[in-house]
Amino acid sequence: MDAQTKALYEARAEIIKAMAHPTRLFIVDHLSRRKACVAELTNLIGADMSTVSKHLTVLKSAGIVEDHKQGAQVYYALRVPCIMNFFGCVESVIKTNANRQLRLVK
C-alpha cells in the first residue's frame, strides 16, 4: 500500500472512530433534523454539559459538525449531511445480521 492510499484509509478510520459512540450517533442524528446548542443537546442526552461538549469536539475535529455563534449561544449543525447515508448502510448490516440469526433458529 502506498503512502497516499494509507493516508486515505487513516482519514476514513478517524471519521469512523469519531462516530463510534452511541451519544455521538444520537447527536449526529439529531443535528440531521435541526441545529442545536450544547444546552439543548445536554437536556436531550441527559449528560452533563462538559461531556456533551467533549462529544461535540470529537465530531467537530473529524469535520462532521460545525459550529457558529448566535448571540450568547453556540449552535451546532451537520457539516456534511451525507453522513446520514452511513446510518442507512449500518442499518442494512444490522438487518442482514438479524435475518441470518433468524434463519439459524428456524
N, C-alpha and C. Protein backbone atom coordinates (compact mmCIF):
# COMPACT_ATOMS: atom_id res chain seq x y z
N MET A 1 0.87 -1.18 0.00
CA MET A 1 0.00 0.00 0.00
C MET A 1 0.91 1.23 0.00
N ASP A 2 0.64 2.15 -0.91
CA ASP A 2 1.46 3.36 -0.98
C ASP A 2 1.03 4.36 0.10
N ALA A 3 1.81 5.40 0.28
CA ALA A 3 1.57 6.38 1.35
C ALA A 3 0.25 7.12 1.17
N GLN A 4 -0.11 7.44 -0.05
CA GLN A 4 -1.36 8.17 -0.30
C GLN A 4 -2.57 7.30 0.03
N THR A 5 -2.52 6.04 -0.35
CA THR A 5 -3.61 5.11 -0.05
C THR A 5 -3.73 4.91 1.46
N LYS A 6 -2.58 4.75 2.11
CA LYS A 6 -2.57 4.59 3.56
C LYS A 6 -3.17 5.81 4.25
N ALA A 7 -2.82 7.01 3.79
CA ALA A 7 -3.35 8.25 4.38
C ALA A 7 -4.86 8.33 4.21
N LEU A 8 -5.36 7.89 3.07
CA LEU A 8 -6.81 7.89 2.84
C LEU A 8 -7.52 6.97 3.83
N TYR A 9 -6.99 5.76 4.01
CA TYR A 9 -7.62 4.82 4.95
C TYR A 9 -7.53 5.31 6.39
N GLU A 10 -6.43 5.97 6.73
CA GLU A 10 -6.30 6.54 8.07
C GLU A 10 -7.32 7.66 8.28
N ALA A 11 -7.52 8.50 7.26
CA ALA A 11 -8.52 9.57 7.36
C ALA A 11 -9.93 8.99 7.51
N ARG A 12 -10.23 7.94 6.77
CA ARG A 12 -11.53 7.28 6.90
C ARG A 12 -11.71 6.71 8.30
N ALA A 13 -10.66 6.09 8.81
CA ALA A 13 -10.73 5.50 10.16
C ALA A 13 -10.98 6.56 11.22
N GLU A 14 -10.39 7.73 11.09
CA GLU A 14 -10.60 8.80 12.05
C GLU A 14 -12.06 9.25 12.07
N ILE A 15 -12.67 9.34 10.91
CA ILE A 15 -14.08 9.73 10.85
C ILE A 15 -14.95 8.65 11.46
N ILE A 16 -14.68 7.41 11.14
CA ILE A 16 -15.47 6.30 11.70
C ILE A 16 -15.29 6.22 13.22
N LYS A 17 -14.06 6.43 13.70
CA LYS A 17 -13.82 6.43 15.15
C LYS A 17 -14.60 7.55 15.83
N ALA A 18 -14.68 8.70 15.18
CA ALA A 18 -15.42 9.83 15.77
C ALA A 18 -16.90 9.48 15.91
N MET A 19 -17.41 8.64 15.05
CA MET A 19 -18.82 8.26 15.09
C MET A 19 -19.08 7.10 16.06
N ALA A 20 -18.02 6.45 16.52
CA ALA A 20 -18.14 5.19 17.25
C ALA A 20 -18.50 5.35 18.72
N HIS A 21 -19.58 6.06 18.98
CA HIS A 21 -20.10 6.19 20.35
C HIS A 21 -21.60 6.46 20.25
N PRO A 22 -22.41 5.77 21.04
CA PRO A 22 -23.87 5.96 20.94
C PRO A 22 -24.32 7.42 21.10
N THR A 23 -23.69 8.15 22.00
CA THR A 23 -24.08 9.55 22.20
C THR A 23 -23.77 10.38 20.97
N ARG A 24 -22.60 10.14 20.37
CA ARG A 24 -22.26 10.91 19.17
C ARG A 24 -23.17 10.53 18.01
N LEU A 25 -23.56 9.29 17.92
CA LEU A 25 -24.52 8.89 16.88
C LEU A 25 -25.85 9.60 17.09
N PHE A 26 -26.28 9.71 18.34
CA PHE A 26 -27.52 10.43 18.65
C PHE A 26 -27.39 11.90 18.24
N ILE A 27 -26.26 12.52 18.57
CA ILE A 27 -26.05 13.92 18.24
C ILE A 27 -26.12 14.12 16.73
N VAL A 28 -25.44 13.28 15.98
CA VAL A 28 -25.45 13.39 14.51
C VAL A 28 -26.87 13.23 13.99
N ASP A 29 -27.59 12.25 14.52
CA ASP A 29 -28.97 12.03 14.08
C ASP A 29 -29.84 13.26 14.38
N HIS A 30 -29.70 13.80 15.57
CA HIS A 30 -30.49 14.98 15.94
C HIS A 30 -30.13 16.17 15.05
N LEU A 31 -28.85 16.38 14.83
CA LEU A 31 -28.42 17.51 14.01
C LEU A 31 -28.78 17.35 12.54
N SER A 32 -29.14 16.13 12.14
CA SER A 32 -29.59 15.94 10.76
C SER A 32 -30.96 16.58 10.54
N ARG A 33 -31.68 16.81 11.64
CA ARG A 33 -33.02 17.41 11.55
C ARG A 33 -33.03 18.90 11.85
N ARG A 34 -32.11 19.35 12.70
CA ARG A 34 -32.08 20.77 13.06
C ARG A 34 -30.80 21.09 13.82
N LYS A 35 -30.39 22.35 13.74
CA LYS A 35 -29.22 22.77 14.51
C LYS A 35 -29.60 22.80 15.99
N ALA A 36 -28.60 22.73 16.86
CA ALA A 36 -28.88 22.72 18.30
C ALA A 36 -27.69 23.28 19.05
N CYS A 37 -27.98 23.84 20.22
CA CYS A 37 -26.91 24.33 21.10
C CYS A 37 -26.56 23.24 22.11
N VAL A 38 -25.46 23.44 22.80
CA VAL A 38 -25.00 22.45 23.78
C VAL A 38 -26.05 22.23 24.87
N ALA A 39 -26.69 23.29 25.33
CA ALA A 39 -27.69 23.16 26.39
C ALA A 39 -28.86 22.27 25.94
N GLU A 40 -29.32 22.46 24.72
CA GLU A 40 -30.42 21.63 24.20
C GLU A 40 -29.99 20.17 24.11
N LEU A 41 -28.79 19.94 23.56
CA LEU A 41 -28.30 18.56 23.45
C LEU A 41 -28.10 17.93 24.82
N THR A 42 -27.63 18.73 25.78
CA THR A 42 -27.43 18.23 27.14
C THR A 42 -28.75 17.75 27.73
N ASN A 43 -29.81 18.53 27.54
CA ASN A 43 -31.14 18.13 28.04
C ASN A 43 -31.63 16.87 27.35
N LEU A 44 -31.43 16.76 26.06
CA LEU A 44 -31.90 15.58 25.32
C LEU A 44 -31.14 14.32 25.71
N ILE A 45 -29.85 14.47 25.91
CA ILE A 45 -28.99 13.31 26.19
C ILE A 45 -29.05 12.90 27.66
N GLY A 46 -29.21 13.89 28.53
CA GLY A 46 -29.23 13.59 29.96
C GLY A 46 -27.85 13.44 30.55
N ALA A 47 -26.87 14.07 29.94
CA ALA A 47 -25.50 14.04 30.45
C ALA A 47 -25.12 15.47 30.86
N ASP A 48 -23.98 15.60 31.52
CA ASP A 48 -23.56 16.95 31.90
C ASP A 48 -23.00 17.69 30.67
N MET A 49 -22.99 19.00 30.77
CA MET A 49 -22.61 19.85 29.64
C MET A 49 -21.18 19.59 29.18
N SER A 50 -20.27 19.32 30.10
CA SER A 50 -18.87 19.10 29.70
C SER A 50 -18.73 17.82 28.88
N THR A 51 -19.50 16.80 29.22
CA THR A 51 -19.46 15.55 28.45
C THR A 51 -19.98 15.77 27.04
N VAL A 52 -21.10 16.47 26.93
CA VAL A 52 -21.68 16.75 25.61
C VAL A 52 -20.72 17.61 24.80
N SER A 53 -20.10 18.58 25.43
CA SER A 53 -19.13 19.43 24.74
C SER A 53 -17.95 18.61 24.21
N LYS A 54 -17.50 17.64 24.99
CA LYS A 54 -16.40 16.78 24.54
C LYS A 54 -16.81 15.96 23.32
N HIS A 55 -18.03 15.44 23.34
CA HIS A 55 -18.52 14.69 22.18
C HIS A 55 -18.59 15.59 20.95
N LEU A 56 -19.06 16.82 21.12
CA LEU A 56 -19.14 17.76 20.00
C LEU A 56 -17.75 18.11 19.48
N THR A 57 -16.79 18.22 20.36
CA THR A 57 -15.41 18.50 19.95
C THR A 57 -14.86 17.38 19.09
N VAL A 58 -15.14 16.14 19.46
CA VAL A 58 -14.68 14.99 18.66
C VAL A 58 -15.31 15.04 17.27
N LEU A 59 -16.61 15.30 17.22
CA LEU A 59 -17.31 15.37 15.93
C LEU A 59 -16.82 16.55 15.09
N LYS A 60 -16.56 17.66 15.74
CA LYS A 60 -16.07 18.84 15.02
C LYS A 60 -14.66 18.60 14.49
N SER A 61 -13.81 18.00 15.30
CA SER A 61 -12.43 17.71 14.87
C SER A 61 -12.40 16.77 13.67
N ALA A 62 -13.37 15.89 13.58
CA ALA A 62 -13.45 14.95 12.46
C ALA A 62 -14.09 15.59 11.23
N GLY A 63 -14.61 16.81 11.38
CA GLY A 63 -15.22 17.50 10.25
C GLY A 63 -16.66 17.12 9.99
N ILE A 64 -17.30 16.49 10.98
CA ILE A 64 -18.68 16.03 10.82
C ILE A 64 -19.67 17.13 11.16
N VAL A 65 -19.36 17.92 12.19
CA VAL A 65 -20.23 19.03 12.58
C VAL A 65 -19.45 20.34 12.51
N GLU A 66 -20.19 21.42 12.45
CA GLU A 66 -19.60 22.75 12.50
C GLU A 66 -20.39 23.57 13.52
N ASP A 67 -19.77 24.61 14.01
CA ASP A 67 -20.46 25.46 14.98
C ASP A 67 -20.47 26.91 14.50
N HIS A 68 -21.43 27.64 15.01
CA HIS A 68 -21.49 29.07 14.75
C HIS A 68 -22.16 29.74 15.94
N LYS A 69 -21.65 30.91 16.27
CA LYS A 69 -22.16 31.64 17.42
C LYS A 69 -23.36 32.47 16.99
N GLN A 70 -24.39 32.42 17.83
CA GLN A 70 -25.61 33.19 17.59
C GLN A 70 -25.96 33.84 18.93
N GLY A 71 -25.63 35.10 19.08
CA GLY A 71 -25.81 35.75 20.37
C GLY A 71 -24.83 35.15 21.37
N ALA A 72 -25.35 34.75 22.52
CA ALA A 72 -24.51 34.14 23.55
C ALA A 72 -24.36 32.63 23.37
N GLN A 73 -25.14 32.05 22.48
CA GLN A 73 -25.15 30.60 22.28
C GLN A 73 -24.28 30.18 21.10
N VAL A 74 -23.73 28.98 21.19
CA VAL A 74 -23.03 28.35 20.08
C VAL A 74 -23.93 27.24 19.57
N TYR A 75 -24.25 27.29 18.30
CA TYR A 75 -25.11 26.27 17.69
C TYR A 75 -24.28 25.35 16.81
N TYR A 76 -24.68 24.09 16.81
CA TYR A 76 -24.01 23.07 16.02
C TYR A 76 -24.95 22.57 14.93
N ALA A 77 -24.35 22.24 13.80
CA ALA A 77 -25.10 21.69 12.67
C ALA A 77 -24.21 20.68 11.96
N LEU A 78 -24.83 19.80 11.19
CA LEU A 78 -24.04 18.87 10.39
C LEU A 78 -23.29 19.65 9.32
N ARG A 79 -22.04 19.35 9.19
CA ARG A 79 -21.23 19.99 8.15
C ARG A 79 -21.45 19.28 6.82
N VAL A 80 -21.65 17.97 6.89
CA VAL A 80 -21.85 17.15 5.70
C VAL A 80 -23.05 16.22 5.92
N PRO A 81 -24.24 16.66 5.52
CA PRO A 81 -25.45 15.86 5.75
C PRO A 81 -25.40 14.46 5.14
N CYS A 82 -24.52 14.24 4.17
CA CYS A 82 -24.43 12.91 3.55
C CYS A 82 -23.97 11.84 4.55
N ILE A 83 -23.50 12.25 5.73
CA ILE A 83 -23.11 11.28 6.76
C ILE A 83 -24.28 10.38 7.12
N MET A 84 -25.50 10.86 6.89
CA MET A 84 -26.69 10.06 7.20
C MET A 84 -26.78 8.84 6.28
N ASN A 85 -26.13 8.87 5.11
CA ASN A 85 -26.08 7.67 4.26
C ASN A 85 -25.37 6.54 4.98
N PHE A 86 -24.41 6.88 5.81
CA PHE A 86 -23.69 5.89 6.61
C PHE A 86 -24.65 5.18 7.56
N PHE A 87 -25.58 5.93 8.16
CA PHE A 87 -26.57 5.33 9.05
C PHE A 87 -27.39 4.28 8.31
N GLY A 88 -27.82 4.60 7.10
CA GLY A 88 -28.60 3.67 6.30
C GLY A 88 -27.82 2.39 6.02
N CYS A 89 -26.56 2.54 5.72
CA CYS A 89 -25.72 1.37 5.47
C CYS A 89 -25.57 0.51 6.73
N VAL A 90 -25.32 1.16 7.86
CA VAL A 90 -25.18 0.42 9.13
C VAL A 90 -26.47 -0.34 9.44
N GLU A 91 -27.62 0.30 9.22
CA GLU A 91 -28.89 -0.37 9.50
C GLU A 91 -29.13 -1.54 8.55
N SER A 92 -28.62 -1.47 7.34
CA SER A 92 -28.71 -2.61 6.42
C SER A 92 -27.90 -3.79 6.93
N VAL A 93 -26.73 -3.50 7.48
CA VAL A 93 -25.91 -4.57 8.07
C VAL A 93 -26.63 -5.18 9.26
N ILE A 94 -27.25 -4.35 10.11
CA ILE A 94 -27.99 -4.86 11.27
C ILE A 94 -29.12 -5.78 10.82
N LYS A 95 -29.88 -5.37 9.81
CA LYS A 95 -30.99 -6.19 9.30
C LYS A 95 -30.49 -7.49 8.71
N THR A 96 -29.41 -7.42 7.94
CA THR A 96 -28.84 -8.63 7.34
C THR A 96 -28.39 -9.60 8.42
N ASN A 97 -27.74 -9.09 9.43
CA ASN A 97 -27.29 -9.95 10.53
C ASN A 97 -28.47 -10.55 11.28
N ALA A 98 -29.52 -9.76 11.50
CA ALA A 98 -30.70 -10.28 12.20
C ALA A 98 -31.37 -11.37 11.38
N ASN A 99 -31.48 -11.16 10.08
CA ASN A 99 -32.09 -12.19 9.22
C ASN A 99 -31.27 -13.46 9.23
N ARG A 100 -29.96 -13.35 9.24
CA ARG A 100 -29.10 -14.53 9.30
C ARG A 100 -29.33 -15.28 10.61
N GLN A 101 -29.45 -14.55 11.70
CA GLN A 101 -29.70 -15.19 13.00
C GLN A 101 -31.06 -15.90 13.01
N LEU A 102 -32.07 -15.26 12.41
CA LEU A 102 -33.41 -15.88 12.35
C LEU A 102 -33.37 -17.17 11.56
N ARG A 103 -32.62 -17.18 10.47
CA ARG A 103 -32.53 -18.41 9.66
C ARG A 103 -31.85 -19.53 10.43
N LEU A 104 -30.93 -19.18 11.30
CA LEU A 104 -30.24 -20.19 12.10
C LEU A 104 -31.16 -20.89 13.09
N VAL A 105 -32.13 -20.17 13.63
CA VAL A 105 -33.01 -20.75 14.64
C VAL A 105 -34.23 -21.41 14.04
N LYS A 106 -34.45 -21.29 12.75
CA LYS A 106 -35.61 -21.91 12.11
C LYS A 106 -35.34 -23.34 11.76
